[in-house]
Amino acid sequence: MLKISLTVITALVVTGCAVIPEYKFSKAGASEADFHRDKTQCDDEAFSAGNVVRLKYIEARNACLVKKGWSQVAPK
């Protein structure tokens, strides 16, 4: 029974991690500090908009970053 439970839990954790996409952003002339400042502002905006469901929250945050001039780039 314990072996089955551990297998199921492991499968759920691996599946959960695989579902969350990784996002990278770029902006000409911007520093990492600029990104963190804008991301923090966008995190606050996305959260206050009631996008508590994770994927909607991420979509709202990413849309905010794009409005601030950041371009989404494919992760390596």
PDB file of N, CA and C in Angstrom:
ATOM      1  N   MET A   1       0.826  -1.203   0.000  1.00  0.00           N
ATOM      2  CA  MET A   1       0.000   0.000   0.000  1.00  0.00           C
ATOM      3  C   MET A   1       0.872   1.270   0.000  1.00  0.00           C
ATOM      4  N   LEU A   2       1.898   1.264   0.817  1.00  0.00           N
ATOM      5  CA  LEU A   2       2.785   2.431   0.895  1.00  0.00           C
ATOM      6  C   LEU A   2       3.484   2.671  -0.434  1.00  0.00           C
ATOM      7  N   LYS A   3       3.906   1.590  -1.081  1.00  0.00           N
ATOM      8  CA  LYS A   3       4.595   1.714  -2.365  1.00  0.00           C
ATOM      9  C   LYS A   3       3.673   2.322  -3.422  1.00  0.00           C
ATOM     10  N   ILE A   4       2.414   1.925  -3.436  1.00  0.00           N
ATOM     11  CA  ILE A   4       1.444   2.468  -4.389  1.00  0.00           C
ATOM     12  C   ILE A   4       1.204   3.946  -4.106  1.00  0.00           C
ATOM     13  N   SER A   5       1.055   4.293  -2.839  1.00  0.00           N
ATOM     14  CA  SER A   5       0.823   5.691  -2.464  1.00  0.00           C
ATOM     15  C   SER A   5       1.989   6.581  -2.886  1.00  0.00           C
ATOM     16  N   LEU A   6       3.214   6.107  -2.640  1.00  0.00           N
ATOM     17  CA  LEU A   6       4.387   6.890  -3.029  1.00  0.00           C
ATOM     18  C   LEU A   6       4.477   7.043  -4.544  1.00  0.00           C
ATOM     19  N   THR A   7       4.108   6.009  -5.278  1.00  0.00           N
ATOM     20  CA  THR A   7       4.120   6.080  -6.738  1.00  0.00           C
ATOM     21  C   THR A   7       3.108   7.108  -7.234  1.00  0.00           C
ATOM     22  N   VAL A   8       1.920   7.092  -6.668  1.00  0.00           N
ATOM     23  CA  VAL A   8       0.880   8.042  -7.068  1.00  0.00           C
ATOM     24  C   VAL A   8       1.294   9.470  -6.732  1.00  0.00           C
ATOM     25  N   ILE A   9       1.826   9.680  -5.550  1.00  0.00           N
ATOM     26  CA  ILE A   9       2.255  11.023  -5.135  1.00  0.00           C
ATOM     27  C   ILE A   9       3.375  11.522  -6.046  1.00  0.00           C
ATOM     28  N   THR A  10       4.329  10.660  -6.342  1.00  0.00           N
ATOM     29  CA  THR A  10       5.427  11.042  -7.231  1.00  0.00           C
ATOM     30  C   THR A  10       4.905  11.424  -8.613  1.00  0.00           C
ATOM     31  N   ALA A  11       3.982  10.638  -9.132  1.00  0.00           N
ATOM     32  CA  ALA A  11       3.408  10.933 -10.451  1.00  0.00           C
ATOM     33  C   ALA A  11       2.691  12.277 -10.446  1.00  0.00           C
ATOM     34  N   LEU A  12       1.953  12.577  -9.388  1.00  0.00           N
ATOM     35  CA  LEU A  12       1.245  13.852  -9.302  1.00  0.00           C
ATOM     36  C   LEU A  12       2.214  15.028  -9.233  1.00  0.00           C
ATOM     37  N   VAL A  13       3.272  14.881  -8.480  1.00  0.00           N
ATOM     38  CA  VAL A  13       4.260  15.961  -8.357  1.00  0.00           C
ATOM     39  C   VAL A  13       4.940  16.207  -9.696  1.00  0.00           C
ATOM     40  N   VAL A  14       5.356  15.141 -10.368  1.00  0.00           N
ATOM     41  CA  VAL A  14       6.030  15.287 -11.659  1.00  0.00           C
ATOM     42  C   VAL A  14       5.079  15.903 -12.681  1.00  0.00           C
ATOM     43  N   THR A  15       3.836  15.464 -12.707  1.00  0.00           N
ATOM     44  CA  THR A  15       2.848  16.017 -13.630  1.00  0.00           C
ATOM     45  C   THR A  15       2.598  17.483 -13.327  1.00  0.00           C
ATOM     46  N   GLY A  16       2.460  17.832 -12.071  1.00  0.00           N
ATOM     47  CA  GLY A  16       2.228  19.219 -11.675  1.00  0.00           C
ATOM     48  C   GLY A  16       3.361  20.127 -12.089  1.00  0.00           C
ATOM     49  N   CYS A  17       4.574  19.665 -11.970  1.00  0.00           N
ATOM     50  CA  CYS A  17       5.730  20.461 -12.363  1.00  0.00           C
ATOM     51  C   CYS A  17       5.805  20.619 -13.871  1.00  0.00           C
ATOM     52  N   ALA A  18       5.396  19.609 -14.594  1.00  0.00           N
ATOM     53  CA  ALA A  18       5.476  19.656 -16.046  1.00  0.00           C
ATOM     54  C   ALA A  18       4.435  20.594 -16.646  1.00  0.00           C
ATOM     55  N   VAL A  19       3.351  20.846 -15.944  1.00  0.00           N
ATOM     56  CA  VAL A  19       2.272  21.672 -16.462  1.00  0.00           C
ATOM     57  C   VAL A  19       2.611  23.149 -16.407  1.00  0.00           C
ATOM     58  N   ILE A  20       3.436  23.549 -15.469  1.00  0.00           N
ATOM     59  CA  ILE A  20       3.755  24.965 -15.281  1.00  0.00           C
ATOM     60  C   ILE A  20       4.836  25.370 -16.282  1.00  0.00           C
ATOM     61  N   PRO A  21       4.465  26.179 -17.261  1.00  0.00           N
ATOM     62  CA  PRO A  21       5.456  26.579 -18.263  1.00  0.00           C
ATOM     63  C   PRO A  21       6.452  27.582 -17.699  1.00  0.00           C
ATOM     64  N   GLU A  22       7.621  27.611 -18.298  1.00  0.00           N
ATOM     65  CA  GLU A  22       8.649  28.557 -17.887  1.00  0.00           C
ATOM     66  C   GLU A  22       8.617  29.742 -18.851  1.00  0.00           C
ATOM     67  N   TYR A  23       8.685  30.944 -18.321  1.00  0.00           N
ATOM     68  CA  TYR A  23       8.634  32.143 -19.142  1.00  0.00           C
ATOM     69  C   TYR A  23       9.914  32.941 -18.973  1.00  0.00           C
ATOM     70  N   LYS A  24      10.448  33.426 -20.071  1.00  0.00           N
ATOM     71  CA  LYS A  24      11.613  34.311 -20.068  1.00  0.00           C
ATOM     72  C   LYS A  24      11.219  35.577 -20.824  1.00  0.00           C
ATOM     73  N   PHE A  25      11.742  36.710 -20.380  1.00  0.00           N
ATOM     74  CA  PHE A  25      11.423  37.984 -21.021  1.00  0.00           C
ATOM     75  C   PHE A  25      12.697  38.760 -21.319  1.00  0.00           C
ATOM     76  N   SER A  26      12.623  39.590 -22.339  1.00  0.00           N
ATOM     77  CA  SER A  26      13.751  40.389 -22.766  1.00  0.00           C
ATOM     78  C   SER A  26      13.258  41.792 -23.121  1.00  0.00           C
ATOM     79  N   LYS A  27      14.109  42.773 -22.867  1.00  0.00           N
ATOM     80  CA  LYS A  27      13.789  44.154 -23.233  1.00  0.00           C
ATOM     81  C   LYS A  27      15.111  44.863 -23.508  1.00  0.00           C
ATOM     82  N   ALA A  28      15.243  45.422 -24.698  1.00  0.00           N
ATOM     83  CA  ALA A  28      16.487  46.092 -25.088  1.00  0.00           C
ATOM     84  C   ALA A  28      16.833  47.205 -24.105  1.00  0.00           C
ATOM     85  N   GLY A  29      18.053  47.186 -23.631  1.00  0.00           N
ATOM     86  CA  GLY A  29      18.538  48.228 -22.749  1.00  0.00           C
ATOM     87  C   GLY A  29      18.097  48.098 -21.292  1.00  0.00           C
ATOM     88  N   ALA A  30      17.331  47.073 -20.974  1.00  0.00           N
ATOM     89  CA  ALA A  30      16.838  46.913 -19.607  1.00  0.00           C
ATOM     90  C   ALA A  30      17.759  45.989 -18.811  1.00  0.00           C
ATOM     91  N   SER A  31      17.855  46.272 -17.530  1.00  0.00           N
ATOM     92  CA  SER A  31      18.690  45.452 -16.644  1.00  0.00           C
ATOM     93  C   SER A  31      17.821  44.408 -15.931  1.00  0.00           C
ATOM     94  N   GLU A  32      18.487  43.523 -15.232  1.00  0.00           N
ATOM     95  CA  GLU A  32      17.761  42.532 -14.434  1.00  0.00           C
ATOM     96  C   GLU A  32      16.944  43.224 -13.341  1.00  0.00           C
ATOM     97  N   ALA A  33      17.484  44.294 -12.791  1.00  0.00           N
ATOM     98  CA  ALA A  33      16.760  45.059 -11.776  1.00  0.00           C
ATOM     99  C   ALA A  33      15.486  45.671 -12.361  1.00  0.00           C
ATOM    100  N   ASP A  34      15.573  46.155 -13.609  1.00  0.00           N
ATOM    101  CA  ASP A  34      14.385  46.690 -14.285  1.00  0.00           C
ATOM    102  C   ASP A  34      13.314  45.613 -14.418  1.00  0.00           C
ATOM    103  N   PHE A  35      13.761  44.397 -14.813  1.00  0.00           N
ATOM    104  CA  PHE A  35      12.805  43.298 -14.967  1.00  0.00           C
ATOM    105  C   PHE A  35      12.143  42.977 -13.631  1.00  0.00           C
ATOM    106  N   HIS A  36      12.931  42.859 -12.573  1.00  0.00           N
ATOM    107  CA  HIS A  36      12.361  42.508 -11.268  1.00  0.00           C
ATOM    108  C   HIS A  36      11.394  43.587 -10.775  1.00  0.00           C
ATOM    109  N   ARG A  37      11.704  44.846 -11.029  1.00  0.00           N
ATOM    110  CA  ARG A  37      10.797  45.934 -10.646  1.00  0.00           C
ATOM    111  C   ARG A  37       9.477  45.811 -11.402  1.00  0.00           C
ATOM    112  N   ASP A  38       9.559  45.650 -12.725  1.00  0.00           N
ATOM    113  CA  ASP A  38       8.342  45.533 -13.536  1.00  0.00           C
ATOM    114  C   ASP A  38       7.573  44.266 -13.197  1.00  0.00           C
ATOM    115  N   LYS A  39       8.279  43.165 -12.971  1.00  0.00           N
ATOM    116  CA  LYS A  39       7.612  41.903 -12.637  1.00  0.00           C
ATOM    117  C   LYS A  39       6.873  42.024 -11.304  1.00  0.00           C
ATOM    118  N   THR A  40       7.489  42.676 -10.341  1.00  0.00           N
ATOM    119  CA  THR A  40       6.831  42.870  -9.043  1.00  0.00           C
ATOM    120  C   THR A  40       5.556  43.687  -9.209  1.00  0.00           C
ATOM    121  N   GLN A  41       5.627  44.766  -9.997  1.00  0.00           N
ATOM    122  CA  GLN A  41       4.432  45.578 -10.252  1.00  0.00           C
ATOM    123  C   GLN A  41       3.361  44.758 -10.963  1.00  0.00           C
ATOM    124  N   CYS A  42       3.776  43.945 -11.929  1.00  0.00           N
ATOM    125  CA  CYS A  42       2.816  43.129 -12.685  1.00  0.00           C
ATOM    126  C   CYS A  42       2.247  42.010 -11.814  1.00  0.00           C
ATOM    127  N   ASP A  43       3.065  41.450 -10.926  1.00  0.00           N
ATOM    128  CA  ASP A  43       2.557  40.445  -9.984  1.00  0.00           C
ATOM    129  C   ASP A  43       1.444  41.050  -9.132  1.00  0.00           C
ATOM    130  N   ASP A  44       1.692  42.260  -8.619  1.00  0.00           N
ATOM    131  CA  ASP A  44       0.693  42.936  -7.789  1.00  0.00           C
ATOM    132  C   ASP A  44      -0.579  43.211  -8.586  1.00  0.00           C
ATOM    133  N   GLU A  45      -0.416  43.675  -9.819  1.00  0.00           N
ATOM    134  CA  GLU A  45      -1.575  43.969 -10.667  1.00  0.00           C
ATOM    135  C   GLU A  45      -2.369  42.701 -10.971  1.00  0.00           C
ATOM    136  N   ALA A  46      -1.686  41.633 -11.304  1.00  0.00           N
ATOM    137  CA  ALA A  46      -2.359  40.374 -11.637  1.00  0.00           C
ATOM    138  C   ALA A  46      -3.086  39.813 -10.414  1.00  0.00           C
ATOM    139  N   PHE A  47      -2.455  39.906  -9.258  1.00  0.00           N
ATOM    140  CA  PHE A  47      -3.077  39.396  -8.041  1.00  0.00           C
ATOM    141  C   PHE A  47      -4.289  40.228  -7.660  1.00  0.00           C
ATOM    142  N   SER A  48      -4.188  41.536  -7.764  1.00  0.00           N
ATOM    143  CA  SER A  48      -5.306  42.391  -7.367  1.00  0.00           C
ATOM    144  C   SER A  48      -6.471  42.274  -8.336  1.00  0.00           C
ATOM    145  N   ALA A  49      -6.216  41.793  -9.547  1.00  0.00           N
ATOM    146  CA  ALA A  49      -7.287  41.619 -10.517  1.00  0.00           C
ATOM    147  C   ALA A  49      -8.108  40.367 -10.228  1.00  0.00           C
ATOM    148  N   GLY A  50      -7.727  39.616  -9.198  1.00  0.00           N
ATOM    149  CA  GLY A  50      -8.494  38.439  -8.805  1.00  0.00           C
ATOM    150  C   GLY A  50      -8.150  37.195  -9.594  1.00  0.00           C
ATOM    151  N   ASN A  51      -7.010  37.189 -10.234  1.00  0.00           N
ATOM    152  CA  ASN A  51      -6.600  36.022 -11.015  1.00  0.00           C
ATOM    153  C   ASN A  51      -5.874  35.022 -10.121  1.00  0.00           C
ATOM    154  N   VAL A  52      -6.595  34.513  -9.148  1.00  0.00           N
ATOM    155  CA  VAL A  52      -5.978  33.638  -8.162  1.00  0.00           C
ATOM    156  C   VAL A  52      -5.656  32.271  -8.757  1.00  0.00           C
ATOM    157  N   VAL A  53      -6.414  31.848  -9.748  1.00  0.00           N
ATOM    158  CA  VAL A  53      -6.116  30.577 -10.394  1.00  0.00           C
ATOM    159  C   VAL A  53      -4.780  30.746 -11.106  1.00  0.00           C
ATOM    160  N   ARG A  54      -3.828  29.889 -10.834  1.00  0.00           N
ATOM    161  CA  ARG A  54      -2.438  30.085 -11.248  1.00  0.00           C
ATOM    162  C   ARG A  54      -2.270  30.422 -12.728  1.00  0.00           C
ATOM    163  N   LEU A  55      -2.855  29.692 -13.627  1.00  0.00           N
ATOM    164  CA  LEU A  55      -2.622  29.966 -15.043  1.00  0.00           C
ATOM    165  C   LEU A  55      -3.204  31.311 -15.462  1.00  0.00           C
ATOM    166  N   LYS A  56      -4.328  31.703 -14.911  1.00  0.00           N
ATOM    167  CA  LYS A  56      -4.888  33.024 -15.224  1.00  0.00           C
ATOM    168  C   LYS A  56      -4.011  34.121 -14.642  1.00  0.00           C
ATOM    169  N   TYR A  57      -3.465  33.881 -13.471  1.00  0.00           N
ATOM    170  CA  TYR A  57      -2.579  34.838 -12.827  1.00  0.00           C
ATOM    171  C   TYR A  57      -1.340  35.055 -13.698  1.00  0.00           C
ATOM    172  N   ILE A  58      -0.745  33.958 -14.169  1.00  0.00           N
ATOM    173  CA  ILE A  58       0.455  34.048 -14.997  1.00  0.00           C
ATOM    174  C   ILE A  58       0.140  34.749 -16.312  1.00  0.00           C
ATOM    175  N   GLU A  59      -0.995  34.431 -16.911  1.00  0.00           N
ATOM    176  CA  GLU A  59      -1.393  35.098 -18.157  1.00  0.00           C
ATOM    177  C   GLU A  59      -1.521  36.598 -17.948  1.00  0.00           C
ATOM    178  N   ALA A  60      -2.162  37.001 -16.860  1.00  0.00           N
ATOM    179  CA  ALA A  60      -2.352  38.425 -16.562  1.00  0.00           C
ATOM    180  C   ALA A  60      -1.009  39.105 -16.305  1.00  0.00           C
ATOM    181  N   ARG A  61      -0.122  38.432 -15.552  1.00  0.00           N
ATOM    182  CA  ARG A  61       1.194  39.008 -15.273  1.00  0.00           C
ATOM    183  C   ARG A  61       1.995  39.163 -16.552  1.00  0.00           C
ATOM    184  N   ASN A  62       1.978  38.141 -17.408  1.00  0.00           N
ATOM    185  CA  ASN A  62       2.743  38.201 -18.650  1.00  0.00           C
ATOM    186  C   ASN A  62       2.199  39.276 -19.586  1.00  0.00           C
ATOM    187  N   ALA A  63       0.890  39.427 -19.642  1.00  0.00           N
ATOM    188  CA  ALA A  63       0.286  40.477 -20.472  1.00  0.00           C
ATOM    189  C   ALA A  63       0.730  41.859 -19.974  1.00  0.00           C
ATOM    190  N   CYS A  64       0.814  42.018 -18.674  1.00  0.00           N
ATOM    191  CA  CYS A  64       1.273  43.269 -18.080  1.00  0.00           C
ATOM    192  C   CYS A  64       2.725  43.547 -18.480  1.00  0.00           C
ATOM    193  N   LEU A  65       3.581  42.524 -18.427  1.00  0.00           N
ATOM    194  CA  LEU A  65       4.981  42.699 -18.803  1.00  0.00           C
ATOM    195  C   LEU A  65       5.103  43.106 -20.273  1.00  0.00           C
ATOM    196  N   VAL A  66       4.290  42.518 -21.121  1.00  0.00           N
ATOM    197  CA  VAL A  66       4.309  42.865 -22.544  1.00  0.00           C
ATOM    198  C   VAL A  66       3.890  44.332 -22.708  1.00  0.00           C
ATOM    199  N   LYS A  67       2.883  44.778 -21.949  1.00  0.00           N
ATOM    200  CA  LYS A  67       2.464  46.189 -22.014  1.00  0.00           C
ATOM    201  C   LYS A  67       3.585  47.124 -21.589  1.00  0.00           C
ATOM    202  N   LYS A  68       4.470  46.641 -20.717  1.00  0.00           N
ATOM    203  CA  LYS A  68       5.586  47.456 -20.243  1.00  0.00           C
ATOM    204  C   LYS A  68       6.785  47.379 -21.193  1.00  0.00           C
ATOM    205  N   GLY A  69       6.616  46.696 -22.334  1.00  0.00           N
ATOM    206  CA  GLY A  69       7.680  46.671 -23.337  1.00  0.00           C
ATOM    207  C   GLY A  69       8.542  45.424 -23.337  1.00  0.00           C
ATOM    208  N   TRP A  70       8.249  44.456 -22.482  1.00  0.00           N
ATOM    209  CA  TRP A  70       9.021  43.215 -22.450  1.00  0.00           C
ATOM    210  C   TRP A  70       8.521  42.264 -23.514  1.00  0.00           C
ATOM    211  N   SER A  71       9.430  41.520 -24.124  1.00  0.00           N
ATOM    212  CA  SER A  71       9.085  40.514 -25.131  1.00  0.00           C
ATOM    213  C   SER A  71       9.340  39.131 -24.556  1.00  0.00           C
ATOM    214  N   GLN A  72       8.381  38.254 -24.740  1.00  0.00           N
ATOM    215  CA  GLN A  72       8.548  36.895 -24.254  1.00  0.00           C
ATOM    216  C   GLN A  72       9.451  36.128 -25.223  1.00  0.00           C
ATOM    217  N   VAL A  73      10.439  35.449 -24.693  1.00  0.00           N
ATOM    218  CA  VAL A  73      11.351  34.660 -25.516  1.00  0.00           C
ATOM    219  C   VAL A  73      11.267  33.203 -25.100  1.00  0.00           C
ATOM    220  N   ALA A  74      11.562  32.323 -26.042  1.00  0.00           N
ATOM    221  CA  ALA A  74      11.515  30.889 -25.762  1.00  0.00           C
ATOM    222  C   ALA A  74      12.597  30.511 -24.760  1.00  0.00           C
ATOM    223  N   PRO A  75      12.231  29.699 -23.760  1.00  0.00           N
ATOM    224  CA  PRO A  75      13.239  29.267 -22.791  1.00  0.00           C
ATOM    225  C   PRO A  75      14.264  28.357 -23.470  1.00  0.00           C
ATOM    226  N   LYS A  76      15.467  28.340 -22.941  1.00  0.00           N
ATOM    227  CA  LYS A  76      16.541  27.520 -23.526  1.00  0.00           C
ATOM    228  C   LYS A  76      16.447  26.099 -23.037  1.00  0.00           C
TER     229      LYS A  76
END
